[in-house]
Protein backbone atom coordinates (compact mmCIF):
# COMPACT_ATOMS: atom_id res chain seq x y z
CA UNK A 1 -33.07 -12.16 -35.49
CA UNK A 2 -29.87 -13.94 -37.37
CA UNK A 3 -30.66 -15.04 -39.88
CA UNK A 4 -29.09 -18.66 -42.00
CA UNK A 5 -26.37 -16.71 -43.81
CA UNK A 6 -25.13 -14.78 -40.95
CA UNK A 7 -24.76 -18.07 -39.39
CA UNK A 8 -23.07 -19.40 -41.85
CA UNK A 9 -20.42 -16.72 -42.06
CA UNK A 10 -20.00 -16.46 -38.46
CA UNK A 11 -19.54 -20.34 -38.46
CA UNK A 12 -16.45 -19.47 -41.27
CA UNK A 13 -14.47 -16.36 -39.51
CA UNK A 14 -10.81 -17.36 -39.25
CA UNK A 15 -10.25 -18.89 -35.85
CA UNK A 16 -13.43 -17.91 -34.09
CA UNK A 17 -14.06 -20.60 -31.49
CA UNK A 18 -17.58 -21.68 -30.87
CA UNK A 19 -17.76 -19.96 -27.47
CA UNK A 20 -17.09 -17.07 -28.66
CA UNK A 21 -19.64 -14.65 -30.74
CA UNK A 22 -17.34 -12.83 -32.99
CA UNK A 23 -13.55 -12.71 -33.31
CA UNK A 24 -13.15 -8.97 -31.57
CA UNK A 25 -14.65 -10.60 -28.47
CA UNK A 26 -12.44 -13.50 -28.84
CA UNK A 27 -9.30 -11.56 -29.12
CA UNK A 28 -10.09 -9.24 -26.57
CA UNK A 29 -10.59 -12.37 -24.41
CA UNK A 30 -7.20 -13.44 -24.62
CA UNK A 31 -5.46 -10.58 -24.89
CA UNK A 32 -7.15 -10.46 -21.31
CA UNK A 33 -5.83 -14.07 -20.41
CA UNK A 34 -2.75 -13.44 -21.35
CA UNK A 35 -2.50 -9.91 -19.60
CA UNK A 36 -3.56 -11.55 -16.32
CA UNK A 37 -1.21 -14.50 -16.75
CA UNK A 38 2.19 -11.82 -17.06
CA UNK A 39 1.25 -10.22 -14.03
CA UNK A 40 0.81 -13.22 -11.57
CA UNK A 41 4.32 -14.27 -13.52
CA UNK A 42 5.55 -10.59 -12.80
CA UNK A 43 4.46 -11.17 -8.69
CA UNK A 44 6.21 -14.52 -8.85
CA UNK A 45 9.63 -13.07 -10.38
CA UNK A 46 8.68 -10.07 -7.75
CA UNK A 47 8.90 -12.18 -5.11
CA UNK A 48 12.08 -13.71 -6.16
CA UNK A 49 13.82 -10.71 -6.89
CA UNK A 50 13.21 -9.18 -3.34
CA UNK A 51 14.99 -12.31 -1.47
CA UNK A 52 18.16 -11.40 -3.77
CA UNK A 53 17.90 -7.90 -2.81
CA UNK A 54 17.27 -8.60 1.06
CA UNK A 55 20.31 -11.01 1.19
CA UNK A 56 22.51 -8.56 -0.74
CA UNK A 57 22.08 -5.99 1.61
CA UNK A 58 22.19 -8.07 4.55
CA UNK A 59 26.08 -9.26 2.73
CA UNK A 60 26.91 -7.14 0.08
CA UNK A 61 30.59 -8.58 0.19
CA UNK A 62 29.87 -12.05 -0.05
CA UNK A 63 26.98 -11.59 -3.16
CA UNK A 64 29.77 -9.10 -4.95
CA UNK A 65 32.40 -11.82 -4.83
CA UNK A 66 29.99 -14.35 -6.22
CA UNK A 67 28.68 -12.35 -8.73
CA UNK A 68 32.43 -11.17 -9.75
CA UNK A 69 32.83 -14.90 -10.43
CA UNK A 70 30.44 -15.46 -12.82
CA UNK A 71 31.47 -14.73 -16.03
CA UNK A 72 30.14 -11.33 -17.37
CA UNK A 73 30.91 -12.41 -21.23
CA UNK A 74 28.75 -15.43 -21.14
CA UNK A 75 25.85 -13.43 -19.78
CA UNK A 76 26.48 -10.75 -22.16
CA UNK A 77 26.22 -12.51 -25.16
CA UNK A 78 23.51 -13.84 -23.45
CA UNK A 79 21.69 -10.45 -22.90
CA UNK A 80 22.31 -9.27 -26.69
CA UNK A 81 20.83 -13.31 -28.23
CA UNK A 82 17.64 -11.97 -26.12
CA UNK A 83 17.25 -8.74 -27.60
CA UNK A 84 17.77 -9.71 -31.06
CA UNK A 85 15.21 -12.26 -30.79
CA UNK A 86 12.65 -10.25 -29.61
CA UNK A 87 13.32 -7.97 -32.51
CA UNK A 88 12.33 -11.00 -34.85
CA UNK A 89 9.56 -12.24 -33.06
CA UNK A 90 8.17 -9.16 -33.15
CA UNK A 91 8.58 -9.15 -36.80
CA UNK A 92 6.75 -12.43 -36.73
CA UNK A 93 3.90 -10.38 -35.41
CA UNK A 94 4.12 -8.19 -38.10
CA UNK A 95 4.28 -10.80 -40.93
CA UNK A 96 1.98 -13.15 -39.44
CA UNK A 97 -0.81 -9.15 -38.80
CA UNK A 98 0.51 -9.12 -43.03
CA UNK A 99 -0.77 -12.55 -43.73
CA UNK A 100 2.81 -13.60 -44.91
CA UNK A 101 3.32 -16.92 -44.86
CA UNK A 102 6.91 -17.55 -45.62
CA UNK A 103 8.55 -14.77 -43.59
CA UNK A 104 6.45 -15.97 -40.27
CA UNK A 105 7.86 -19.45 -40.94
CA UNK A 106 11.75 -17.64 -40.59
CA UNK A 107 11.73 -15.38 -37.74
CA UNK A 108 9.55 -17.69 -35.66
CA UNK A 109 12.50 -20.42 -37.22
CA UNK A 110 15.60 -17.58 -35.99
CA UNK A 111 13.59 -16.50 -32.59
CA UNK A 112 14.02 -20.71 -32.00
CA UNK A 113 17.40 -20.24 -33.28
CA UNK A 114 18.16 -17.91 -30.55
CA UNK A 115 15.99 -19.58 -27.75
CA UNK A 116 18.03 -22.83 -28.25
CA UNK A 117 21.42 -20.69 -28.04
CA UNK A 118 20.56 -19.06 -24.81
CA UNK A 119 20.01 -21.91 -23.37
CA UNK A 120 23.42 -23.85 -25.14
CA UNK A 121 25.24 -20.63 -23.11
CA UNK A 122 23.43 -21.62 -19.85
CA UNK A 123 24.44 -25.17 -19.53
CA UNK A 124 28.32 -23.77 -20.82
CA UNK A 125 27.43 -22.03 -17.71
CA UNK A 126 26.29 -24.93 -15.78
CA UNK A 127 28.78 -26.77 -16.48
CA UNK A 128 31.42 -24.99 -15.21
CA UNK A 129 29.73 -24.51 -12.08
CA UNK A 130 29.31 -28.00 -11.42
CA UNK A 131 33.28 -28.76 -12.71
CA UNK A 132 34.40 -25.96 -10.10
CA UNK A 133 31.96 -26.73 -7.36
CA UNK A 134 29.78 -24.21 -7.09
CA UNK A 135 26.60 -25.62 -7.31
CA UNK A 136 24.79 -25.39 -3.75
CA UNK A 137 23.52 -28.19 -3.07
CA UNK A 138 26.06 -30.77 -1.40
CA UNK A 139 26.71 -34.11 -3.47
CA UNK A 140 25.70 -32.00 -7.04
CA UNK A 141 29.25 -31.11 -7.66
CA UNK A 142 31.42 -33.30 -9.82
CA UNK A 143 34.04 -35.66 -7.40
CA UNK A 144 37.49 -35.36 -7.45
CA UNK A 145 39.97 -36.38 -5.04
CA UNK A 146 42.27 -33.87 -6.98
CA UNK A 147 45.18 -36.29 -7.54
CA UNK A 148 44.29 -36.87 -11.06
CA UNK A 149 44.40 -33.72 -11.76
CA UNK A 150 47.94 -33.51 -9.79
CA UNK A 151 49.00 -36.09 -11.60
CA UNK A 152 48.22 -34.90 -15.04
CA UNK A 153 49.84 -31.26 -14.35
CA UNK A 154 52.68 -32.55 -13.40
CA UNK A 155 52.83 -34.89 -16.50
CA UNK A 156 52.72 -31.92 -19.04
CA UNK A 157 53.85 -29.19 -17.12
CA UNK A 158 57.58 -27.96 -17.19
CA UNK A 159 59.91 -27.89 -14.77
CA UNK A 160 59.27 -23.74 -14.19
CA UNK A 161 55.05 -24.54 -15.03
CA UNK A 162 55.25 -26.14 -11.67
CA UNK A 163 57.32 -23.50 -9.38
CA UNK A 164 55.17 -21.11 -10.73
CA UNK A 165 51.64 -22.86 -9.96
CA UNK A 166 53.25 -23.42 -6.70
CA UNK A 167 53.97 -19.88 -6.24
CA UNK A 168 50.73 -19.10 -7.21
CA UNK A 169 49.07 -21.32 -4.82
CA UNK A 170 51.36 -19.67 -1.74
CA UNK A 171 49.53 -15.93 -2.72
CA UNK A 172 46.23 -17.82 -2.22
CA UNK A 173 44.71 -17.74 -5.55
CA UNK A 174 42.80 -20.93 -6.79
CA UNK A 175 43.50 -24.03 -4.87
CA UNK A 176 43.78 -26.93 -6.61
CA UNK A 177 40.08 -28.85 -7.27
CA UNK A 178 39.56 -31.71 -4.67
CA UNK A 179 36.04 -32.44 -3.55
CA UNK A 180 35.67 -35.96 -3.05
CA UNK A 181 31.57 -35.67 -2.33
CA UNK A 182 30.83 -32.90 -4.86
CA UNK A 183 30.33 -30.25 -1.45
CA UNK A 184 29.37 -26.75 -2.48
CA UNK A 185 33.09 -24.79 -2.02
CA UNK A 186 34.61 -21.93 -2.45
CA UNK A 187 38.20 -21.95 -3.24
CA UNK A 188 38.66 -18.14 -4.52
CA UNK A 189 39.50 -16.44 -1.43
CA UNK A 190 37.57 -13.36 0.07
CA UNK A 191 39.44 -10.50 -1.29
CA UNK A 192 36.58 -8.12 -1.57
CA UNK A 193 35.86 -8.29 2.20
CA UNK A 194 39.61 -6.80 2.91
CA UNK A 195 39.64 -4.09 0.60
CA UNK A 196 36.16 -3.40 2.53
CA UNK A 197 37.67 -3.55 5.72
CA UNK A 198 40.55 -1.64 4.56
CA UNK A 199 38.95 0.96 2.43
CA UNK A 200 36.58 1.26 5.83
CA UNK A 201 33.32 0.74 4.16
CA UNK A 202 32.70 -2.87 5.61
CA UNK A 203 30.08 -1.94 8.33
CA UNK A 204 29.87 -3.93 11.91
CA UNK A 205 27.07 -5.73 11.28
CA UNK A 206 28.02 -7.01 8.45
CA UNK A 207 32.07 -8.35 10.15
CA UNK A 208 29.71 -10.62 12.18
CA UNK A 209 28.85 -12.60 9.65
CA UNK A 210 32.07 -12.87 8.33
CA UNK A 211 34.61 -13.30 11.38
CA UNK A 212 35.15 -15.08 14.32
CA UNK A 213 38.26 -14.34 16.55
CA UNK A 214 38.71 -11.20 14.57
CA UNK A 215 39.99 -13.65 11.66
CA UNK A 216 38.06 -13.94 8.20
CA UNK A 217 36.09 -17.21 8.99
CA UNK A 218 36.60 -19.05 5.23
CA UNK A 219 33.39 -21.29 6.36
CA UNK A 220 31.13 -18.48 6.86
CA UNK A 221 31.77 -17.01 4.15
CA UNK A 222 31.47 -19.55 2.01
CA UNK A 223 28.01 -20.12 3.38
CA UNK A 224 27.05 -16.04 2.62
CA UNK A 225 28.32 -16.86 -1.36
CA UNK A 226 26.34 -20.23 -1.64
CA UNK A 227 23.70 -17.96 -0.25
CA UNK A 228 23.88 -16.05 -3.59
CA UNK A 229 24.58 -18.99 -5.44
CA UNK A 230 21.15 -20.58 -4.40
CA UNK A 231 19.39 -16.91 -5.66
CA UNK A 232 21.50 -17.69 -9.04
CA UNK A 233 20.64 -21.11 -9.59
CA UNK A 234 16.80 -20.37 -8.31
CA UNK A 235 16.83 -17.58 -10.45
CA UNK A 236 18.13 -18.51 -14.16
CA UNK A 237 16.45 -22.16 -13.52
CA UNK A 238 13.30 -20.63 -13.85
CA UNK A 239 14.02 -18.29 -16.19
CA UNK A 240 15.74 -20.88 -18.42
CA UNK A 241 12.58 -23.30 -17.42
CA UNK A 242 10.23 -20.27 -19.10
CA UNK A 243 12.74 -20.10 -22.02
CA UNK A 244 11.68 -23.95 -22.15
CA UNK A 245 8.50 -23.51 -22.37
CA UNK A 246 8.49 -20.55 -24.87
CA UNK A 247 10.87 -22.83 -27.41
CA UNK A 248 7.65 -25.43 -26.86
CA UNK A 249 5.00 -22.16 -28.02
CA UNK A 250 6.93 -21.83 -30.81
CA UNK A 251 7.35 -25.02 -31.78
CA UNK A 252 3.43 -24.49 -31.61
CA UNK A 253 3.73 -21.72 -33.56
CA UNK A 254 5.73 -23.08 -36.66
CA UNK A 255 3.26 -26.22 -37.02
CA UNK A 256 0.44 -23.05 -37.29
CA UNK A 257 2.95 -20.63 -39.75
CA UNK A 258 3.50 -23.63 -41.89
CA UNK A 259 0.06 -24.39 -42.74
CA UNK A 260 -1.29 -21.30 -43.27
CA UNK A 261 -3.61 -20.49 -40.43
CA UNK A 262 -2.52 -17.14 -39.46
CA UNK A 263 -3.30 -14.36 -41.73
CA UNK A 264 -4.62 -10.49 -41.63
CA UNK A 265 -7.43 -11.70 -40.06
CA UNK A 266 -6.74 -14.01 -37.60
CA UNK A 267 -3.01 -13.88 -35.57
CA UNK A 268 -4.16 -13.10 -32.04
CA UNK A 269 -2.00 -16.87 -31.37
CA UNK A 270 1.12 -15.30 -32.67
CA UNK A 271 0.74 -11.81 -30.95
CA UNK A 272 0.05 -13.54 -27.90
CA UNK A 273 2.92 -16.19 -27.76
CA UNK A 274 5.15 -12.61 -28.63
CA UNK A 275 4.08 -11.43 -25.04
CA UNK A 276 4.79 -13.86 -23.64
CA UNK A 277 8.53 -13.79 -25.44
CA UNK A 278 8.88 -10.17 -24.61
CA UNK A 279 8.22 -10.53 -21.03
CA UNK A 280 10.81 -13.98 -20.63
CA UNK A 281 13.42 -11.15 -22.76
CA UNK A 282 12.56 -8.21 -20.03
CA UNK A 283 13.19 -10.49 -17.08
CA UNK A 284 16.37 -12.00 -17.89
CA UNK A 285 17.47 -7.70 -18.91
CA UNK A 286 17.11 -7.17 -15.00
CA UNK A 287 18.64 -10.73 -14.18
CA UNK A 288 22.12 -9.89 -16.08
CA UNK A 289 22.62 -6.72 -13.99
CA UNK A 290 21.75 -7.70 -10.43
CA UNK A 291 23.64 -11.15 -10.92
CA UNK A 292 26.55 -10.04 -13.23
CA UNK A 293 27.24 -6.42 -12.84
CA UNK A 294 26.87 -5.05 -9.65
CA UNK A 295 29.87 -4.99 -7.56
CA UNK A 296 31.96 -5.82 -10.25
CA UNK A 297 33.12 -1.63 -9.50
CA UNK A 298 34.72 -3.62 -7.09
CA UNK A 299 37.31 -5.36 -9.26
CA UNK A 300 39.24 -2.22 -10.04
């Protein structure tokens, strides 16, 4: 039979919610709940990774072209940023366990800073895709007749630069951006397909997807590259959404840490939030090589 003193101590256990008998039961319940959530998140992203693998298997050269056009520098920078953010998040958990309030606050702020840098880099990448007609939804790209670009280039270019640009256009390099309706367009050629055919490793099945009347069909090839960008935006967009949720979670943790909520006796919210943050980081560790690096060796 519990005494009044027991009830008083039970009530004053730090962070204990009324539906739990003690802190151990509460921590076990919270941990099981978080791991169940992460398992369903793994299944969710697992479906997307499966779709990626299926389509990459069917259209390897088109996916390699799209992948080669992504900027590996920005992808690599974001990878480093997230790895460092995982370190600061782990340190936030460590200092919460030690009950060191000031260091908790500093580490959470640093984690939020790195998360914000990650989203800023994604904004730079998405803006580049918008400006070059690589968003795979019709009408969502920058609209341009090309005339204003040509006029500006002519106005500020030396005569030999104009000649060089004209020669590059004849050689099949990137054309002037002309997109009056804001549609998806691929202006970067299909060099990898030609290399694959010359080297003899372009399969007959894949050739059907790219060729018409014995020649590469630019529209058919563009549609396969478009599939890559669909998958790219869905996967990186959903990952960025998870990062935004993580930042909102960090903002809540920052406030709670600031008022001294987390101590050596009560730190499970920081620990569970850390699990979520590490999961988001791990997803990117897989996204980076799959989207940015696979097929890059073809350009050499």
